[in-house]
């Protein structure tokens, strides 16, 4: 007697990919880089205003 239907043990893997947009992390990163820019331009201003005129 032949079987017309064979049972297979198949595990189906499902993946749920969610893009997370954590606004607090984005805001803190933005504040950090803005602070870096302010420090950098402040240092450049200091060099141009006070150090270079000495030469």
N, C-alpha and C. Protein backbone atom coordinates (compact mmCIF):
# COMPACT_ATOMS: atom_id res chain seq x y z
N UNK A 1 0.83 -1.18 0.00
CA UNK A 1 0.00 0.00 0.00
C UNK A 1 0.88 1.25 0.00
N UNK A 2 0.73 2.12 -0.95
CA UNK A 2 1.56 3.31 -1.03
C UNK A 2 0.83 4.50 -0.40
N UNK A 3 1.65 5.32 0.17
CA UNK A 3 1.09 6.53 0.79
C UNK A 3 1.04 7.65 -0.24
N UNK A 4 -0.07 8.28 -0.36
CA UNK A 4 -0.18 9.38 -1.31
C UNK A 4 0.32 10.69 -0.68
N UNK A 5 0.23 10.78 0.62
CA UNK A 5 0.64 12.02 1.28
C UNK A 5 1.70 11.68 2.31
N UNK A 6 2.82 12.35 2.20
CA UNK A 6 3.87 12.14 3.18
C UNK A 6 3.91 13.33 4.12
N UNK A 7 4.05 13.04 5.38
CA UNK A 7 4.13 14.11 6.37
C UNK A 7 5.58 14.49 6.57
N UNK A 8 5.85 15.77 6.47
CA UNK A 8 7.21 16.28 6.66
C UNK A 8 7.21 17.16 7.91
N UNK A 9 8.25 17.00 8.70
CA UNK A 9 8.44 17.88 9.84
C UNK A 9 9.29 19.05 9.38
N UNK A 10 8.65 20.15 9.08
CA UNK A 10 9.35 21.33 8.58
C UNK A 10 9.11 22.46 9.56
N UNK A 11 10.21 23.04 10.05
CA UNK A 11 10.09 24.20 10.92
C UNK A 11 10.24 25.45 10.08
N UNK A 12 9.29 26.32 10.19
CA UNK A 12 9.30 27.56 9.42
C UNK A 12 9.78 28.67 10.34
N UNK A 13 10.85 29.32 9.91
CA UNK A 13 11.41 30.42 10.70
C UNK A 13 10.90 31.73 10.16
N UNK A 14 10.31 32.51 11.03
CA UNK A 14 9.83 33.82 10.62
C UNK A 14 10.68 34.88 11.29
N UNK A 15 10.98 35.91 10.56
CA UNK A 15 11.77 37.02 11.09
C UNK A 15 10.96 38.29 11.00
N UNK A 16 10.88 38.97 12.10
CA UNK A 16 10.23 40.28 12.11
C UNK A 16 11.30 41.33 12.26
N UNK A 17 11.48 42.13 11.24
CA UNK A 17 12.50 43.18 11.25
C UNK A 17 11.78 44.50 11.47
N UNK A 18 12.13 45.13 12.58
CA UNK A 18 11.52 46.41 12.90
C UNK A 18 12.61 47.47 12.94
N UNK A 19 12.37 48.55 12.23
CA UNK A 19 13.31 49.66 12.29
C UNK A 19 12.94 50.52 13.48
N UNK A 20 13.89 50.63 14.39
CA UNK A 20 13.64 51.43 15.57
C UNK A 20 14.24 52.81 15.38
N UNK A 21 13.48 53.77 15.69
CA UNK A 21 13.95 55.16 15.62
C UNK A 21 13.80 55.75 17.01
N UNK A 22 14.82 55.54 17.82
CA UNK A 22 14.77 56.04 19.19
C UNK A 22 15.13 57.52 19.17
N UNK A 23 14.14 58.37 19.36
CA UNK A 23 14.36 59.80 19.21
C UNK A 23 15.27 60.36 20.29
N UNK A 24 15.27 59.74 21.47
CA UNK A 24 16.15 60.26 22.53
C UNK A 24 17.61 59.98 22.19
N UNK A 25 17.88 58.84 21.57
CA UNK A 25 19.25 58.52 21.17
C UNK A 25 19.71 59.45 20.05
N UNK A 26 18.82 59.74 19.12
CA UNK A 26 19.16 60.65 18.02
C UNK A 26 19.43 62.05 18.57
N UNK A 27 18.61 62.49 19.51
CA UNK A 27 18.78 63.82 20.07
C UNK A 27 20.08 63.93 20.86
N UNK A 28 20.42 62.90 21.63
CA UNK A 28 21.66 62.96 22.41
C UNK A 28 22.88 62.93 21.50
N UNK A 29 22.81 62.18 20.42
CA UNK A 29 23.92 62.16 19.46
C UNK A 29 24.06 63.51 18.77
N UNK A 30 22.95 64.12 18.42
CA UNK A 30 22.98 65.44 17.80
C UNK A 30 23.59 66.47 18.75
N UNK A 31 23.19 66.44 20.01
CA UNK A 31 23.74 67.38 20.99
C UNK A 31 25.24 67.16 21.16
N UNK A 32 25.66 65.91 21.16
CA UNK A 32 27.08 65.60 21.32
C UNK A 32 27.90 66.19 20.17
N UNK A 33 27.45 65.98 18.94
CA UNK A 33 28.21 66.48 17.80
C UNK A 33 28.15 68.00 17.67
N UNK A 34 27.05 68.60 18.07
CA UNK A 34 26.97 70.06 18.08
C UNK A 34 27.95 70.62 19.10
N UNK A 35 28.07 69.96 20.25
CA UNK A 35 29.04 70.39 21.25
C UNK A 35 30.46 70.26 20.72
N UNK A 36 30.76 69.17 20.00
CA UNK A 36 32.09 69.02 19.37
C UNK A 36 32.36 70.17 18.41
N UNK A 37 31.37 70.52 17.60
CA UNK A 37 31.57 71.62 16.64
C UNK A 37 31.79 72.95 17.35
N UNK A 38 31.04 73.21 18.40
CA UNK A 38 31.21 74.46 19.14
C UNK A 38 32.61 74.54 19.74
N UNK A 39 33.07 73.44 20.33
CA UNK A 39 34.43 73.42 20.90
C UNK A 39 35.47 73.62 19.82
N UNK A 40 35.30 72.96 18.67
CA UNK A 40 36.26 73.08 17.57
C UNK A 40 36.33 74.51 17.06
N UNK A 41 35.16 75.12 16.80
CA UNK A 41 35.17 76.48 16.28
C UNK A 41 35.62 77.49 17.35
N UNK A 42 35.34 77.19 18.61
CA UNK A 42 35.85 78.04 19.68
C UNK A 42 37.36 78.01 19.75
N UNK A 43 37.94 76.83 19.56
CA UNK A 43 39.39 76.70 19.54
C UNK A 43 39.99 77.43 18.34
N UNK A 44 39.35 77.31 17.18
CA UNK A 44 39.82 78.05 16.00
C UNK A 44 39.74 79.56 16.22
N UNK A 45 38.66 80.02 16.83
CA UNK A 45 38.52 81.45 17.12
C UNK A 45 39.62 81.91 18.06
N UNK A 46 39.90 81.11 19.08
CA UNK A 46 40.97 81.44 20.01
C UNK A 46 42.31 81.54 19.29
N UNK A 47 42.60 80.59 18.41
CA UNK A 47 43.86 80.62 17.67
C UNK A 47 43.96 81.87 16.80
N UNK A 48 42.90 82.16 16.07
CA UNK A 48 42.94 83.29 15.14
C UNK A 48 42.98 84.62 15.88
N UNK A 49 42.24 84.73 16.96
CA UNK A 49 42.11 86.01 17.67
C UNK A 49 43.31 86.31 18.56
N UNK A 50 43.87 85.29 19.23
CA UNK A 50 44.88 85.57 20.24
C UNK A 50 46.27 85.00 19.92
N UNK A 51 46.34 83.88 19.26
CA UNK A 51 47.67 83.26 19.05
C UNK A 51 48.32 83.78 17.77
N UNK A 52 47.59 83.82 16.68
CA UNK A 52 48.21 84.26 15.42
C UNK A 52 48.69 85.71 15.44
N UNK A 53 48.01 86.64 16.10
CA UNK A 53 48.54 88.02 16.14
C UNK A 53 49.88 88.16 16.85
N UNK A 54 50.27 87.18 17.64
CA UNK A 54 51.55 87.24 18.33
C UNK A 54 52.73 87.06 17.39
N UNK A 55 52.49 86.49 16.25
CA UNK A 55 53.60 86.23 15.31
C UNK A 55 53.86 87.39 14.39
